[in-house]
Protein backbone atom coordinates (compact mmCIF):
# COMPACT_ATOMS: atom_id res chain seq x y z
CA UNK A 1 12.58 -7.67 -16.20
CA UNK A 2 13.86 -7.25 -12.40
CA UNK A 3 13.83 -9.37 -9.27
CA UNK A 4 12.82 -8.38 -5.70
CA UNK A 5 13.47 -9.78 -2.66
CA UNK A 6 11.63 -9.99 0.95
CA UNK A 7 12.81 -12.21 3.61
CA UNK A 8 10.29 -13.34 6.23
CA UNK A 9 11.59 -14.48 9.80
CA UNK A 10 9.36 -15.55 12.75
CA UNK A 11 10.13 -18.07 15.47
CA UNK A 12 7.77 -19.93 17.65
CA UNK A 13 9.51 -19.03 20.94
CA UNK A 14 8.04 -21.23 23.94
CA UNK A 15 4.95 -21.51 22.63
CA UNK A 16 2.93 -24.77 22.28
CA UNK A 17 1.76 -23.70 18.38
CA UNK A 18 -0.75 -27.05 18.04
CA UNK A 19 -2.90 -25.02 20.21
CA UNK A 20 -3.08 -22.24 17.87
CA UNK A 21 -1.73 -19.75 20.57
CA UNK A 22 1.34 -18.17 19.01
CA UNK A 23 2.79 -15.06 18.22
CA UNK A 24 1.96 -13.86 14.63
CA UNK A 25 4.85 -10.96 15.21
CA UNK A 26 7.47 -11.41 12.71
CA UNK A 27 9.67 -9.13 10.76
CA UNK A 28 10.02 -8.71 7.15
CA UNK A 29 13.76 -7.79 5.57
CA UNK A 30 13.76 -6.25 1.95
CA UNK A 31 17.00 -6.53 -0.92
CA UNK A 32 17.59 -3.13 0.21
CA UNK A 33 18.43 -3.95 4.24
CA UNK A 34 15.02 -2.18 5.66
CA UNK A 35 13.67 -4.38 8.33
CA UNK A 36 10.25 -3.79 9.51
CA UNK A 37 8.10 -5.24 12.34
CA UNK A 38 5.48 -7.12 10.91
CA UNK A 39 2.00 -8.90 12.40
CA UNK A 40 -1.41 -10.22 11.33
CA UNK A 41 -4.10 -7.79 11.41
CA UNK A 42 -5.56 -7.76 15.15
CA UNK A 43 -8.78 -7.85 13.10
CA UNK A 44 -8.33 -10.95 12.00
CA UNK A 45 -6.16 -12.61 14.55
CA UNK A 46 -6.89 -11.32 18.56
CA UNK A 47 -4.40 -9.99 20.84
CA UNK A 48 -2.23 -11.29 22.12
CA UNK A 49 -1.22 -13.38 19.22
CA UNK A 50 -1.38 -10.10 17.18
CA UNK A 51 1.15 -7.04 17.34
CA UNK A 52 -0.95 -3.91 16.77
CA UNK A 53 2.42 -2.32 16.33
CA UNK A 54 3.25 -4.36 13.52
CA UNK A 55 2.50 -3.79 9.90
CA UNK A 56 -0.04 -6.31 8.88
CA UNK A 57 -0.46 -7.98 5.09
CA UNK A 58 -3.68 -5.67 4.13
CA UNK A 59 -2.11 -2.41 5.76
CA UNK A 60 0.99 -3.24 3.20
CA UNK A 61 -0.95 -4.49 0.18
CA UNK A 62 -2.66 -0.64 0.72
CA UNK A 63 0.13 0.98 0.81
CA UNK A 64 2.09 -0.44 -1.99
CA UNK A 65 -0.68 0.77 -4.09
CA UNK A 66 -0.27 4.11 -2.71
CA UNK A 67 3.38 4.43 -2.77
CA UNK A 68 3.28 2.67 -6.20
CA UNK A 69 0.84 5.33 -7.69
CA UNK A 70 2.74 8.16 -6.21
CA UNK A 71 5.91 7.15 -7.42
CA UNK A 72 4.35 7.32 -10.84
CA UNK A 73 2.36 10.37 -10.35
CA UNK A 74 5.66 12.33 -9.60
CA UNK A 75 7.53 10.89 -12.38
CA UNK A 76 5.01 11.80 -14.81
CA UNK A 77 4.60 15.85 -13.04
CA UNK A 78 8.26 15.98 -13.44
CA UNK A 79 8.11 15.35 -16.81
CA UNK A 80 5.77 17.71 -17.27
CA UNK A 81 7.54 20.74 -15.80
CA UNK A 82 5.21 20.88 -12.62
CA UNK A 83 6.68 21.41 -9.30
CA UNK A 84 5.87 18.82 -6.61
CA UNK A 85 6.23 20.18 -3.39
CA UNK A 86 4.09 17.40 -1.40
CA UNK A 87 2.04 14.51 -1.52
CA UNK A 88 -0.10 13.06 0.73
CA UNK A 89 -2.60 10.22 0.48
CA UNK A 90 -4.61 8.77 3.20
CA UNK A 91 -5.45 5.29 1.59
CA UNK A 92 -7.92 3.04 2.28
CA UNK A 93 -8.70 -0.55 1.64
CA UNK A 94 -11.85 -2.38 2.53
CA UNK A 95 -11.85 -6.24 3.16
CA UNK A 96 -15.13 -8.29 2.49
CA UNK A 97 -16.38 -11.12 0.82
CA UNK A 98 -15.50 -11.51 -2.86
CA UNK A 99 -18.25 -13.50 -5.07
CA UNK A 100 -16.60 -16.92 -4.64
CA UNK A 101 -17.32 -16.37 -1.09
CA UNK A 102 -13.41 -15.57 0.18
CA UNK A 103 -12.17 -12.49 1.89
CA UNK A 104 -10.69 -10.44 -0.24
CA UNK A 105 -9.40 -6.79 -0.20
CA UNK A 106 -12.76 -5.48 -2.35
CA UNK A 107 -11.47 -2.25 -3.19
CA UNK A 108 -8.48 0.36 -1.92
CA UNK A 109 -9.34 3.99 -2.51
CA UNK A 110 -6.33 6.47 -2.63
CA UNK A 111 -7.22 10.25 -1.83
CA UNK A 112 -4.16 11.65 -2.90
CA UNK A 113 -3.70 15.43 -1.97
CA UNK A 114 -0.89 17.33 -4.01
CA UNK A 115 1.33 20.45 -3.09
CA UNK A 116 2.66 22.50 -6.22
CA UNK A 117 4.81 25.30 -6.36
CA UNK A 118 6.36 27.36 -8.86
CA UNK A 119 4.79 29.32 -11.86
CA UNK A 120 3.61 26.54 -13.69
CA UNK A 121 0.49 24.99 -11.66
CA UNK A 122 -1.58 21.83 -13.07
CA UNK A 123 -5.51 23.04 -12.83
CA UNK A 124 -7.76 20.07 -12.10
CA UNK A 125 -7.88 18.68 -15.79
CA UNK A 126 -4.37 18.30 -15.62
CA UNK A 127 -3.96 16.87 -12.13
CA UNK A 128 -6.80 14.06 -12.91
CA UNK A 129 -5.06 13.09 -15.90
CA UNK A 130 -1.46 12.83 -14.16
CA UNK A 131 -3.70 10.56 -11.69
CA UNK A 132 -5.05 8.47 -14.88
CA UNK A 133 -1.60 8.26 -16.31
CA UNK A 134 -0.14 7.02 -13.37
CA UNK A 135 -2.74 4.60 -12.40
CA UNK A 136 -2.05 3.03 -15.91
CA UNK A 137 1.62 2.71 -15.00
CA UNK A 138 1.63 1.50 -11.56
CA UNK A 139 2.81 -2.33 -11.40
CA UNK A 140 1.28 -3.24 -8.30
CA UNK A 141 -2.33 -1.48 -9.89
CA UNK A 142 -1.54 -3.55 -13.08
CA UNK A 143 -0.87 -6.61 -11.10
CA UNK A 144 -3.86 -6.98 -9.00
CA UNK A 145 -7.59 -7.85 -9.18
CA UNK A 146 -8.46 -5.51 -6.45
CA UNK A 147 -10.42 -2.67 -7.86
CA UNK A 148 -8.72 0.79 -7.49
CA UNK A 149 -10.41 3.66 -7.00
CA UNK A 150 -8.26 7.10 -7.15
CA UNK A 151 -10.20 10.23 -5.69
CA UNK A 152 -7.84 13.06 -5.70
CA UNK A 153 -8.49 16.44 -3.43
CA UNK A 154 -8.21 19.16 -6.34
């Protein structure tokens, strides 16, 4: 078992706050020292109270699913002797109303493109099997109710 830390920093500044007109910009600080500027999404909280340059929780959710999948895919590919030279995923998350009427991330679609080099090249069937195995191993995918779709470019 392991533990992971994220510290969230936010300050009101000179905003009144009780009128709901305050900045949602804040910082995420992770246990390894990385600091990320964050904010609510401008799709949820209008400007100027959101900072579109900051990562919003919905984007971070999509990125964490994509990143976890990629890390497992790379590990599994290496175990099978495939040399992966590049990996890109234009992942998309769709928000909407869940069956209970609440807003939720309804589904996330990963669209990984993998570049392999070397004499041993995986075919479409092997790539699909690697993506399936990566999905099964992904800690984040195993932790959420959101439907996760994987549509690799073959």
